[in-house]
Protein backbone atom coordinates (compact mmCIF):
# COMPACT_ATOMS: atom_id res chain seq x y z
CA UNK A 1 0.00 0.00 0.00
CA UNK A 2 2.79 2.40 0.93
CA UNK A 3 4.51 1.57 -2.36
CA UNK A 4 1.37 2.36 -4.38
CA UNK A 5 0.97 5.70 -2.54
CA UNK A 6 4.60 6.62 -3.31
CA UNK A 7 4.14 5.80 -7.01
CA UNK A 8 0.96 7.95 -7.16
CA UNK A 9 2.66 10.92 -5.53
CA UNK A 10 5.64 10.62 -7.84
CA UNK A 11 3.32 10.61 -10.85
CA UNK A 12 1.64 13.76 -9.63
CA UNK A 13 5.02 15.46 -9.21
CA UNK A 14 5.94 14.50 -12.77
CA UNK A 15 2.64 15.83 -14.11
CA UNK A 16 3.05 19.16 -12.30
CA UNK A 17 6.69 19.43 -13.32
CA UNK A 18 5.80 18.85 -16.96
CA UNK A 19 2.85 21.26 -16.98
CA UNK A 20 3.80 24.55 -18.61
CA UNK A 21 3.17 27.68 -16.47
CA UNK A 22 0.34 29.90 -17.75
CA UNK A 23 1.60 32.96 -19.64
CA UNK A 24 0.23 36.04 -17.80
CA UNK A 25 0.23 37.94 -21.10
CA UNK A 26 0.82 41.64 -21.55
CA UNK A 27 -0.65 44.40 -19.36
CA UNK A 28 -3.86 45.84 -20.87
CA UNK A 29 -2.34 49.32 -20.98
CA UNK A 30 0.78 51.28 -20.00
CA UNK A 31 1.28 52.52 -16.46
CA UNK A 32 0.48 56.16 -15.76
CA UNK A 33 3.51 58.47 -15.55
CA UNK A 34 4.80 59.43 -12.10
CA UNK A 35 6.20 62.92 -11.40
CA UNK A 36 9.99 63.11 -11.33
CA UNK A 37 10.96 66.59 -10.15
CA UNK A 38 8.66 69.13 -8.47
CA UNK A 39 6.73 71.40 -10.84
CA UNK A 40 8.74 74.57 -11.46
CA UNK A 41 7.77 78.11 -12.47
CA UNK A 42 9.86 81.24 -12.03
CA UNK A 43 8.28 83.18 -14.87
CA UNK A 44 5.33 82.82 -17.23
CA UNK A 45 6.34 79.21 -17.87
CA UNK A 46 5.98 75.81 -16.22
CA UNK A 47 8.53 73.01 -16.30
CA UNK A 48 7.24 69.49 -15.75
CA UNK A 49 9.12 66.18 -15.71
CA UNK A 50 8.10 62.61 -15.06
CA UNK A 51 9.62 59.15 -14.82
CA UNK A 52 10.00 57.37 -18.16
CA UNK A 53 7.37 54.67 -18.76
CA UNK A 54 8.59 51.38 -20.21
CA UNK A 55 6.97 50.65 -23.55
CA UNK A 56 5.87 54.21 -24.29
CA UNK A 57 6.24 55.59 -27.81
CA UNK A 58 5.52 59.19 -26.76
CA UNK A 59 3.80 61.28 -24.10
CA UNK A 60 0.94 63.77 -24.08
CA UNK A 61 1.30 66.63 -21.57
CA UNK A 62 -1.52 69.08 -20.92
CA UNK A 63 -2.21 72.10 -18.74
CA UNK A 64 -5.46 73.75 -17.69
CA UNK A 65 -6.68 76.64 -15.54
CA UNK A 66 -10.08 75.09 -14.74
CA UNK A 67 -9.29 71.49 -13.70
CA UNK A 68 -9.39 70.34 -17.34
CA UNK A 69 -12.87 71.43 -18.19
CA UNK A 70 -10.91 73.18 -20.94
CA UNK A 71 -7.33 72.61 -22.12
CA UNK A 72 -4.96 75.59 -22.09
CA UNK A 73 -2.19 73.74 -23.93
CA UNK A 74 -1.50 70.17 -25.11
CA UNK A 75 1.71 68.73 -26.56
CA UNK A 76 2.79 65.31 -27.84
CA UNK A 77 6.49 64.70 -27.21
CA UNK A 78 8.97 61.83 -27.08
CA UNK A 79 10.88 63.02 -23.99
CA UNK A 80 9.87 62.94 -20.32
CA UNK A 81 10.30 66.67 -19.68
CA UNK A 82 8.53 69.69 -21.14
CA UNK A 83 8.51 73.45 -20.76
CA UNK A 84 5.15 75.18 -21.27
CA UNK A 85 5.90 78.80 -22.26
CA UNK A 86 4.09 82.10 -22.87
CA UNK A 87 1.52 81.45 -20.18
CA UNK A 88 -0.50 83.93 -18.18
CA UNK A 89 1.39 85.58 -15.36
CA UNK A 90 0.30 84.83 -11.78
CA UNK A 91 -2.15 82.08 -12.76
CA UNK A 92 -2.67 78.63 -11.24
CA UNK A 93 -2.33 75.84 -13.80
CA UNK A 94 -3.07 72.14 -13.38
CA UNK A 95 -0.75 69.65 -15.11
CA UNK A 96 -1.40 66.13 -16.37
CA UNK A 97 0.52 63.62 -18.50
CA UNK A 98 -0.21 60.28 -20.15
CA UNK A 99 2.05 57.68 -21.82
CA UNK A 100 1.19 56.84 -25.42
CA UNK A 101 1.70 53.30 -26.73
CA UNK A 102 2.31 52.40 -30.40
CA UNK A 103 -1.03 50.63 -30.15
CA UNK A 104 -3.12 53.57 -28.94
CA UNK A 105 -5.61 51.25 -27.26
CA UNK A 106 -2.86 50.48 -24.75
CA UNK A 107 -1.98 54.08 -23.91
CA UNK A 108 -2.14 54.96 -20.21
CA UNK A 109 -4.79 57.12 -18.63
CA UNK A 110 -3.82 60.67 -17.65
CA UNK A 111 -1.87 61.14 -14.42
CA UNK A 112 -2.49 64.37 -12.52
CA UNK A 113 0.91 65.80 -11.59
CA UNK A 114 -0.33 68.69 -9.47
CA UNK A 115 -0.87 72.42 -9.80
CA UNK A 116 1.44 75.43 -9.75
CA UNK A 117 1.06 79.19 -9.95
CA UNK A 118 3.13 81.08 -12.49
CA UNK A 119 5.20 83.98 -11.23
CA UNK A 120 4.00 87.55 -10.98
CA UNK A 121 4.94 89.83 -13.86
CA UNK A 122 8.33 91.47 -13.11
CA UNK A 123 7.15 94.80 -11.80
CA UNK A 124 8.01 97.84 -9.71
CA UNK A 125 4.33 98.29 -8.84
CA UNK A 126 3.14 97.33 -5.35
CA UNK A 127 -0.14 95.45 -5.09
CA UNK A 128 -2.56 97.62 -3.06
CA UNK A 129 -3.27 96.21 0.38
CA UNK A 130 -6.41 96.69 2.41
CA UNK A 131 -5.05 99.88 3.94
CA UNK A 132 -4.30 101.30 0.46
CA UNK A 133 -7.93 101.30 -0.66
CA UNK A 134 -11.11 103.01 0.52
CA UNK A 135 -14.54 103.40 -1.03
CA UNK A 136 -13.50 105.96 -3.68
CA UNK A 137 -9.68 106.10 -3.79
CA UNK A 138 -6.55 104.00 -4.09
CA UNK A 139 -2.94 104.63 -3.10
CA UNK A 140 -0.78 103.57 -6.04
CA UNK A 141 2.82 102.98 -4.93
CA UNK A 142 5.94 101.62 -6.56
CA UNK A 143 9.70 101.22 -6.23
CA UNK A 144 11.73 103.70 -8.26
CA UNK A 145 14.00 101.60 -10.44
CA UNK A 146 15.10 101.95 -14.02
CA UNK A 147 13.32 104.46 -16.22
CA UNK A 148 11.25 107.08 -14.39
CA UNK A 149 7.52 106.37 -14.19
CA UNK A 150 5.36 108.84 -16.09
CA UNK A 151 1.72 107.81 -15.95
CA UNK A 152 -0.95 105.78 -14.14
CA UNK A 153 -4.03 104.41 -15.84
CA UNK A 154 -7.01 102.97 -13.98
CA UNK A 155 -9.13 100.50 -15.96
CA UNK A 156 -12.51 99.06 -15.10
CA UNK A 157 -11.92 95.35 -14.55
CA UNK A 158 -15.19 94.24 -16.13
CA UNK A 159 -14.46 95.59 -19.63
CA UNK A 160 -10.93 97.14 -19.45
CA UNK A 161 -12.28 100.59 -20.28
CA UNK A 162 -10.03 103.44 -19.12
CA UNK A 163 -11.50 105.25 -16.11
CA UNK A 164 -8.69 107.73 -15.52
CA UNK A 165 -5.22 108.69 -16.77
CA UNK A 166 -2.93 110.55 -14.38
CA UNK A 167 0.39 112.12 -15.35
CA UNK A 168 3.06 111.94 -12.65
CA UNK A 169 5.18 114.94 -11.65
CA UNK A 170 8.58 115.10 -9.97
CA UNK A 171 7.07 115.13 -6.48
CA UNK A 172 5.03 112.02 -7.20
CA UNK A 173 8.13 110.23 -8.49
CA UNK A 174 10.15 111.20 -5.41
CA UNK A 175 7.32 110.11 -3.09
CA UNK A 176 6.90 106.88 -5.07
CA UNK A 177 3.12 106.99 -4.62
CA UNK A 178 0.03 108.76 -5.92
CA UNK A 179 -3.51 108.90 -4.53
CA UNK A 180 -6.08 108.33 -7.29
CA UNK A 181 -9.60 109.44 -6.34
CA UNK A 182 -13.01 109.63 -7.98
CA UNK A 183 -13.63 105.87 -8.04
CA UNK A 184 -16.84 104.01 -7.24
CA UNK A 185 -17.38 101.87 -4.17
CA UNK A 186 -17.42 98.06 -4.31
CA UNK A 187 -15.93 98.11 -7.80
CA UNK A 188 -13.04 96.12 -9.29
CA UNK A 189 -10.30 98.01 -11.16
CA UNK A 190 -6.88 97.39 -12.72
CA UNK A 191 -3.88 99.70 -12.25
CA UNK A 192 -1.39 100.09 -15.10
CA UNK A 193 1.89 101.90 -14.38
CA UNK A 194 3.93 103.28 -17.29
CA UNK A 195 7.33 104.65 -18.13
CA UNK A 196 6.47 106.35 -21.39
CA UNK A 197 4.83 103.67 -23.52
CA UNK A 198 6.37 100.80 -21.52
CA UNK A 199 4.19 98.97 -19.01
CA UNK A 200 6.06 98.69 -15.69
CA UNK A 201 3.40 96.60 -14.00
CA UNK A 202 -0.27 96.06 -13.34
CA UNK A 203 -2.39 95.02 -10.37
CA UNK A 204 -6.02 94.37 -9.57
CA UNK A 205 -7.87 95.91 -6.64
CA UNK A 206 -11.44 96.39 -5.46
CA UNK A 207 -12.68 99.49 -3.69
CA UNK A 208 -14.42 99.07 -0.37
CA UNK A 209 -18.15 99.39 0.07
CA UNK A 210 -19.27 102.85 1.17
CA UNK A 211 -20.05 103.00 4.88
CA UNK A 212 -23.72 103.32 5.71
CA UNK A 213 -25.66 103.47 8.95
CA UNK A 214 -24.80 105.10 12.28
CA UNK A 215 -21.18 106.23 11.88
CA UNK A 216 -19.40 107.32 15.06
CA UNK A 217 -16.19 108.95 13.87
CA UNK A 218 -13.52 109.23 16.57
CA UNK A 219 -10.71 110.17 14.17
CA UNK A 220 -10.88 113.83 15.08
CA UNK A 221 -10.17 113.10 18.76
CA UNK A 222 -6.50 112.44 19.49
CA UNK A 223 -4.42 112.11 22.64
CA UNK A 224 -7.37 110.92 24.72
CA UNK A 225 -6.88 107.16 25.18
CA UNK A 226 -10.17 106.70 27.08
CA UNK A 227 -12.40 108.01 24.30
CA UNK A 228 -13.34 104.57 22.95
CA UNK A 229 -14.23 103.18 26.38
CA UNK A 230 -16.22 106.37 27.09
CA UNK A 231 -18.07 106.06 23.76
CA UNK A 232 -19.23 102.44 23.89
CA UNK A 233 -21.98 102.87 26.55
CA UNK A 234 -23.62 105.88 24.89
CA UNK A 235 -23.87 104.97 21.21
CA UNK A 236 -26.86 103.25 19.59
CA UNK A 237 -26.99 99.59 18.68
CA UNK A 238 -25.71 99.06 15.15
CA UNK A 239 -23.11 101.84 15.37
CA UNK A 240 -19.86 101.67 13.40
CA UNK A 241 -17.12 103.25 15.51
CA UNK A 242 -14.33 104.62 13.30
CA UNK A 243 -10.89 104.66 14.92
CA UNK A 244 -7.95 106.77 13.83
CA UNK A 245 -5.06 104.89 12.28
CA UNK A 246 -1.97 104.93 14.47
CA UNK A 247 -3.92 106.01 17.57
CA UNK A 248 -4.02 103.95 20.80
CA UNK A 249 -7.27 103.45 22.73
CA UNK A 250 -7.28 102.00 26.26
CA UNK A 251 -9.79 99.62 27.82
CA UNK A 252 -8.69 100.24 31.39
CA UNK A 253 -11.56 98.50 33.20
CA UNK A 254 -14.02 95.73 32.31
CA UNK A 255 -16.33 97.13 29.64
CA UNK A 256 -19.72 95.49 29.14
CA UNK A 257 -21.30 95.39 25.70
CA UNK A 258 -25.05 94.99 25.23
CA UNK A 259 -25.54 96.03 21.60
CA UNK A 260 -24.45 95.44 18.03
CA UNK A 261 -21.18 97.26 17.37
CA UNK A 262 -18.45 97.40 14.73
CA UNK A 263 -14.96 98.69 15.59
CA UNK A 264 -13.32 99.76 12.32
CA UNK A 265 -10.09 101.50 11.31
CA UNK A 266 -11.05 104.67 9.45
CA UNK A 267 -9.69 105.33 5.98
CA UNK A 268 -6.34 107.10 5.81
CA UNK A 269 -4.39 106.19 2.70
CA UNK A 270 -1.25 107.94 3.96
CA UNK A 271 -1.15 106.10 7.28
CA UNK A 272 -1.39 102.31 6.97
CA UNK A 273 -0.92 101.62 10.70
CA UNK A 274 -3.85 99.98 12.39
CA UNK A 275 -5.38 101.63 15.46
CA UNK A 276 -4.47 99.85 18.69
CA UNK A 277 -7.01 98.81 21.32
CA UNK A 278 -4.81 98.33 24.37
CA UNK A 279 -6.38 96.09 26.99
CA UNK A 280 -5.27 96.10 30.61
CA UNK A 281 -8.89 94.92 31.08
CA UNK A 282 -11.31 92.96 28.90
CA UNK A 283 -14.70 93.19 27.24
CA UNK A 284 -17.65 91.33 28.77
CA UNK A 285 -21.32 91.04 27.79
CA UNK A 286 -24.14 92.55 29.82
CA UNK A 287 -26.15 89.74 31.42
CA UNK A 288 -29.27 88.79 29.48
CA UNK A 289 -28.23 90.60 26.31
CA UNK A 290 -29.29 89.48 22.85
CA UNK A 291 -26.86 90.93 20.31
CA UNK A 292 -26.84 90.54 16.55
CA UNK A 293 -23.09 91.01 16.03
CA UNK A 294 -19.83 92.39 17.38
CA UNK A 295 -17.13 92.96 14.75
CA UNK A 296 -13.51 94.09 15.00
CA UNK A 297 -12.15 95.11 11.60
CA UNK A 298 -8.60 96.20 10.80
CA UNK A 299 -7.46 96.87 14.37
CA UNK A 300 -4.70 95.70 16.72
CA UNK A 301 -5.95 94.09 19.95
CA UNK A 302 -3.11 94.06 22.46
CA UNK A 303 -3.20 92.79 26.04
CA UNK A 304 -1.05 94.17 28.81
CA UNK A 305 0.13 90.71 29.93
CA UNK A 306 -0.40 86.96 29.42
CA UNK A 307 -1.52 86.14 32.95
CA UNK A 308 -5.18 87.17 32.99
CA UNK A 309 -6.05 89.35 30.00
CA UNK A 310 -8.57 88.50 27.27
CA UNK A 311 -10.35 90.36 24.50
CA UNK A 312 -13.58 88.75 25.74
CA UNK A 313 -13.95 86.99 29.09
CA UNK A 314 -17.67 86.30 29.14
CA UNK A 315 -19.15 85.16 32.45
CA UNK A 316 -22.80 86.10 31.83
CA UNK A 317 -25.80 84.48 30.15
CA UNK A 318 -26.26 86.00 26.69
CA UNK A 319 -27.06 85.30 23.04
CA UNK A 320 -24.83 86.66 20.27
CA UNK A 321 -25.43 86.06 16.58
CA UNK A 322 -21.84 86.71 15.49
CA UNK A 323 -18.47 87.71 16.88
CA UNK A 324 -16.00 88.32 14.07
CA UNK A 325 -12.36 89.40 13.90
CA UNK A 326 -11.48 90.60 10.39
CA UNK A 327 -7.97 91.68 9.30
CA UNK A 328 -6.88 92.10 12.92
CA UNK A 329 -3.77 91.51 14.97
CA UNK A 330 -4.32 89.92 18.40
CA UNK A 331 -1.35 89.60 20.74
CA UNK A 332 -0.28 89.19 24.37
CA UNK A 333 -3.38 87.65 25.95
CA UNK A 334 -4.16 84.67 28.13
CA UNK A 335 -6.92 84.02 25.60
CA UNK A 336 -8.67 85.90 22.82
CA UNK A 337 -12.22 84.78 23.64
CA UNK A 338 -13.33 82.73 26.63
CA UNK A 339 -16.78 81.85 27.91
CA UNK A 340 -17.06 80.76 31.53
CA UNK A 341 -19.57 79.98 34.29
CA UNK A 342 -22.82 81.06 32.54
CA UNK A 343 -24.54 79.98 29.29
CA UNK A 344 -23.20 82.26 26.57
CA UNK A 345 -24.59 81.15 23.19
CA UNK A 346 -22.69 82.35 20.08
CA UNK A 347 -24.09 81.30 16.71
CA UNK A 348 -21.06 82.26 14.58
CA UNK A 349 -17.55 82.75 15.95
CA UNK A 350 -15.17 83.83 13.19
CA UNK A 351 -11.62 84.99 12.59
CA UNK A 352 -10.44 85.83 9.06
CA UNK A 353 -7.26 87.35 7.64
CA UNK A 354 -5.74 87.85 11.08
CA UNK A 355 -2.35 87.44 12.72
CA UNK A 356 -2.39 86.03 16.25
CA UNK A 357 0.70 85.68 18.41
CA UNK A 358 1.77 85.32 22.00
CA UNK A 359 -1.38 83.76 23.46
CA UNK A 360 -1.21 81.76 26.67
CA UNK A 361 -3.13 78.70 27.85
CA UNK A 362 -6.70 79.75 26.98
CA UNK A 363 -5.92 80.02 23.29
CA UNK A 364 -7.90 81.75 20.56
CA UNK A 365 -11.45 80.46 21.08
CA UNK A 366 -12.21 78.68 24.36
CA UNK A 367 -15.75 77.56 25.24
CA UNK A 368 -14.80 76.76 28.79
CA UNK A 369 -18.09 75.55 30.26
CA UNK A 370 -20.51 72.93 28.94
CA UNK A 371 -23.50 75.28 29.27
CA UNK A 372 -22.00 77.73 26.76
CA UNK A 373 -21.80 77.04 23.05
CA UNK A 374 -20.35 78.27 19.77
CA UNK A 375 -22.39 76.72 16.97
CA UNK A 376 -20.18 77.51 13.98
CA UNK A 377 -16.49 78.28 14.31
CA UNK A 378 -14.35 79.55 11.45
CA UNK A 379 -10.62 80.25 11.44
CA UNK A 380 -9.53 81.22 7.93
CA UNK A 381 -6.70 82.94 6.00
CA UNK A 382 -4.78 83.60 9.19
CA UNK A 383 -1.37 83.16 10.82
CA UNK A 384 -1.19 81.63 14.30
CA UNK A 385 2.13 81.47 16.14
CA UNK A 386 3.41 81.34 19.71
CA UNK A 387 -0.03 80.19 20.83
CA UNK A 388 -0.54 77.52 23.51
CA UNK A 389 -4.05 76.48 22.43
CA UNK A 390 -6.14 77.22 19.35
CA UNK A 391 -9.80 76.07 19.42
CA UNK A 392 -11.14 74.41 22.58
CA UNK A 393 -14.75 73.61 23.47
CA UNK A 394 -16.49 71.75 26.28
CA UNK A 395 -19.79 71.70 24.38
CA UNK A 396 -21.05 70.52 21.02
CA UNK A 397 -20.93 72.59 17.84
CA UNK A 398 -22.56 72.41 14.44
CA UNK A 399 -19.44 73.03 12.33
CA UNK A 400 -15.76 73.90 12.51
CA UNK A 401 -13.76 75.21 9.55
CA UNK A 402 -10.00 75.82 9.64
CA UNK A 403 -8.76 76.81 6.19
CA UNK A 404 -5.79 78.54 4.57
CA UNK A 405 -3.90 79.02 7.83
CA UNK A 406 -0.25 78.98 8.88
CA UNK A 407 0.62 77.57 12.32
CA UNK A 408 3.98 77.59 14.08
CA UNK A 409 4.96 77.30 17.72
CA UNK A 410 1.38 76.21 18.29
CA UNK A 411 -0.11 74.62 20.30
CA UNK A 412 1.92 73.95 23.45
CA UNK A 413 4.28 71.02 23.03
CA UNK A 414 3.15 68.98 26.01
CA UNK A 415 1.69 66.02 24.05
CA UNK A 416 -1.81 66.92 25.30
CA UNK A 417 -2.59 70.16 23.43
CA UNK A 418 -4.58 70.15 20.19
CA UNK A 419 -5.28 72.51 17.31
CA UNK A 420 -8.98 71.64 17.68
CA UNK A 421 -10.04 70.11 20.98
CA UNK A 422 -13.57 69.05 21.88
CA UNK A 423 -12.51 67.71 25.22
CA UNK A 424 -15.58 66.82 27.29
CA UNK A 425 -17.08 63.38 26.84
CA UNK A 426 -20.80 63.53 26.11
CA UNK A 427 -20.70 67.11 24.81
CA UNK A 428 -17.96 66.85 22.23
CA UNK A 429 -19.73 66.26 18.93
CA UNK A 430 -19.52 68.53 15.87
CA UNK A 431 -22.68 67.71 13.92
CA UNK A 432 -21.53 68.73 10.44
CA UNK A 433 -17.91 67.80 11.04
CA UNK A 434 -14.54 69.45 11.43
CA UNK A 435 -12.95 70.60 8.16
CA UNK A 436 -9.26 71.50 7.84
CA UNK A 437 -7.98 72.47 4.38
CA UNK A 438 -4.86 74.07 2.88
CA UNK A 439 -2.96 74.59 6.14
CA UNK A 440 0.72 74.38 7.08
CA UNK A 441 1.68 73.18 10.56
CA UNK A 442 5.15 73.91 11.90
CA UNK A 443 6.66 73.01 15.25
CA UNK A 444 4.79 73.07 18.55
CA UNK A 445 5.38 75.78 21.15
CA UNK A 446 8.12 74.82 23.56
CA UNK A 447 6.78 73.48 26.85
CA UNK A 448 9.77 72.92 29.14
CA UNK A 449 11.72 71.92 26.04
CA UNK A 450 9.00 69.61 24.65
CA UNK A 451 7.43 70.27 21.24
CA UNK A 452 5.06 67.33 20.64
CA UNK A 453 1.44 68.22 19.81
CA UNK A 454 -1.82 66.64 18.64
CA UNK A 455 -4.17 67.63 15.83
CA UNK A 456 -7.87 67.04 16.57
CA UNK A 457 -9.93 65.52 19.39
CA UNK A 458 -13.69 65.05 19.17
CA UNK A 459 -16.45 62.49 19.58
CA UNK A 460 -16.04 59.39 17.40
CA UNK A 461 -19.25 60.37 15.59
CA UNK A 462 -17.66 63.61 14.38
CA UNK A 463 -16.48 63.50 10.78
CA UNK A 464 -13.05 65.02 10.16
CA UNK A 465 -12.49 66.25 6.62
CA UNK A 466 -9.02 67.36 5.58
CA UNK A 467 -7.18 68.07 2.34
CA UNK A 468 -3.94 69.68 1.12
CA UNK A 469 -2.45 70.05 4.59
CA UNK A 470 1.30 69.93 5.27
CA UNK A 471 3.50 69.75 8.32
CA UNK A 472 7.20 70.49 8.56
CA UNK A 473 9.81 67.84 9.20
CA UNK A 474 10.41 69.20 12.73
CA UNK A 475 6.71 68.96 13.61
CA UNK A 476 6.35 66.26 16.30
CA UNK A 477 3.00 64.51 16.63
CA UNK A 478 1.72 62.51 19.60
CA UNK A 479 -1.26 61.24 17.59
CA UNK A 480 -4.81 62.31 16.62
CA UNK A 481 -3.44 63.26 13.21
CA UNK A 482 -5.50 64.87 10.50
CA UNK A 483 -6.41 62.46 7.68
CA UNK A 484 -4.01 62.54 4.74
CA UNK A 485 -1.69 65.15 6.24
CA UNK A 486 1.60 65.34 4.34
CA UNK A 487 4.91 65.51 6.21
CA UNK A 488 7.32 67.62 4.17
CA UNK A 489 11.07 66.96 4.17
CA UNK A 490 12.20 70.38 5.43
CA UNK A 491 11.98 72.25 8.72
CA UNK A 492 9.99 75.36 9.53
CA UNK A 493 13.14 77.48 9.28
CA UNK A 494 13.84 76.08 5.80
CA UNK A 495 10.34 76.73 4.44
CA UNK A 496 9.69 80.20 5.90
CA UNK A 497 11.70 83.42 5.84
CA UNK A 498 11.98 84.04 9.60
CA UNK A 499 9.31 82.18 11.58
CA UNK A 500 10.75 83.18 14.96
CA UNK A 501 9.84 86.82 14.28
CA UNK A 502 6.55 86.15 12.49
CA UNK A 503 7.73 86.32 8.89
CA UNK A 504 6.20 83.27 7.22
CA UNK A 505 6.93 84.18 3.63
CA UNK A 506 7.58 80.89 1.84
CA UNK A 507 11.16 80.76 0.57
CA UNK A 508 11.29 77.12 -0.54
CA UNK A 509 10.56 76.97 -4.27
CA UNK A 510 10.28 73.18 -4.16
CA UNK A 511 7.63 73.02 -1.42
CA UNK A 512 4.54 71.46 -3.08
CA UNK A 513 2.11 73.66 -1.14
CA UNK A 514 3.92 76.93 -1.80
CA UNK A 515 1.05 78.43 -3.81
CA UNK A 516 -1.93 76.53 -2.41
CA UNK A 517 -1.48 76.14 1.36
CA UNK A 518 -1.00 78.28 4.44
CA UNK A 519 -2.09 81.87 4.98
CA UNK A 520 -2.39 83.36 1.46
CA UNK A 521 -0.40 86.47 2.42
CA UNK A 522 2.78 84.37 2.58
CA UNK A 523 2.41 82.19 -0.50
CA UNK A 524 4.56 82.18 -3.61
Foldseek 3Di string as FASTA:
>chain_A
DVVVVVVVVVVVVVVVVPDDDDDPDDDQAWDFWAWDAFWFAAAQKIKTFTDDTPQFQWKKKFKDQPVPPDTPDIDIGRHRMDMGDPHDAFGKMWMWMWGAHPPRSRTYDIDTHAIDTHHFDQAQWDAFDPLQAAFFKGKTFGDDDDAQWFKKWKAFVVPRHTPDIDTDDPVCSVVRIDMDGGHHGQGKIKMFIGRVPDTRHMYIDHHHHDDDDAEAEPQVDAPPQAVVLVPQVPDDAPYEYEDEAPGEHEPQEEREHQHHYEDEHDHDNVHSHAYEYEYCEEYEYDAPHEYAEYEYERHEYEYPAQPAHENYEYEHAYEYAEYEYYLYEYEHYQEHYEYDNYAYEYAEYEYENYEYAHYHDCAYAEDDDANYDYAEYEYYLYEYENTQAHAEHQAEYQEYEYEQAEYYQDHEQPQEHENHENDHPPGFEHNAAYEYEQEEYAWHNYDVNGTEYAYYDGDPPHDYHYDNYEYEQNHHYSDNDHPPYHYDDHHQVQQAPDVVVPGRAGDDSRPSSQCRHHNNVRHD
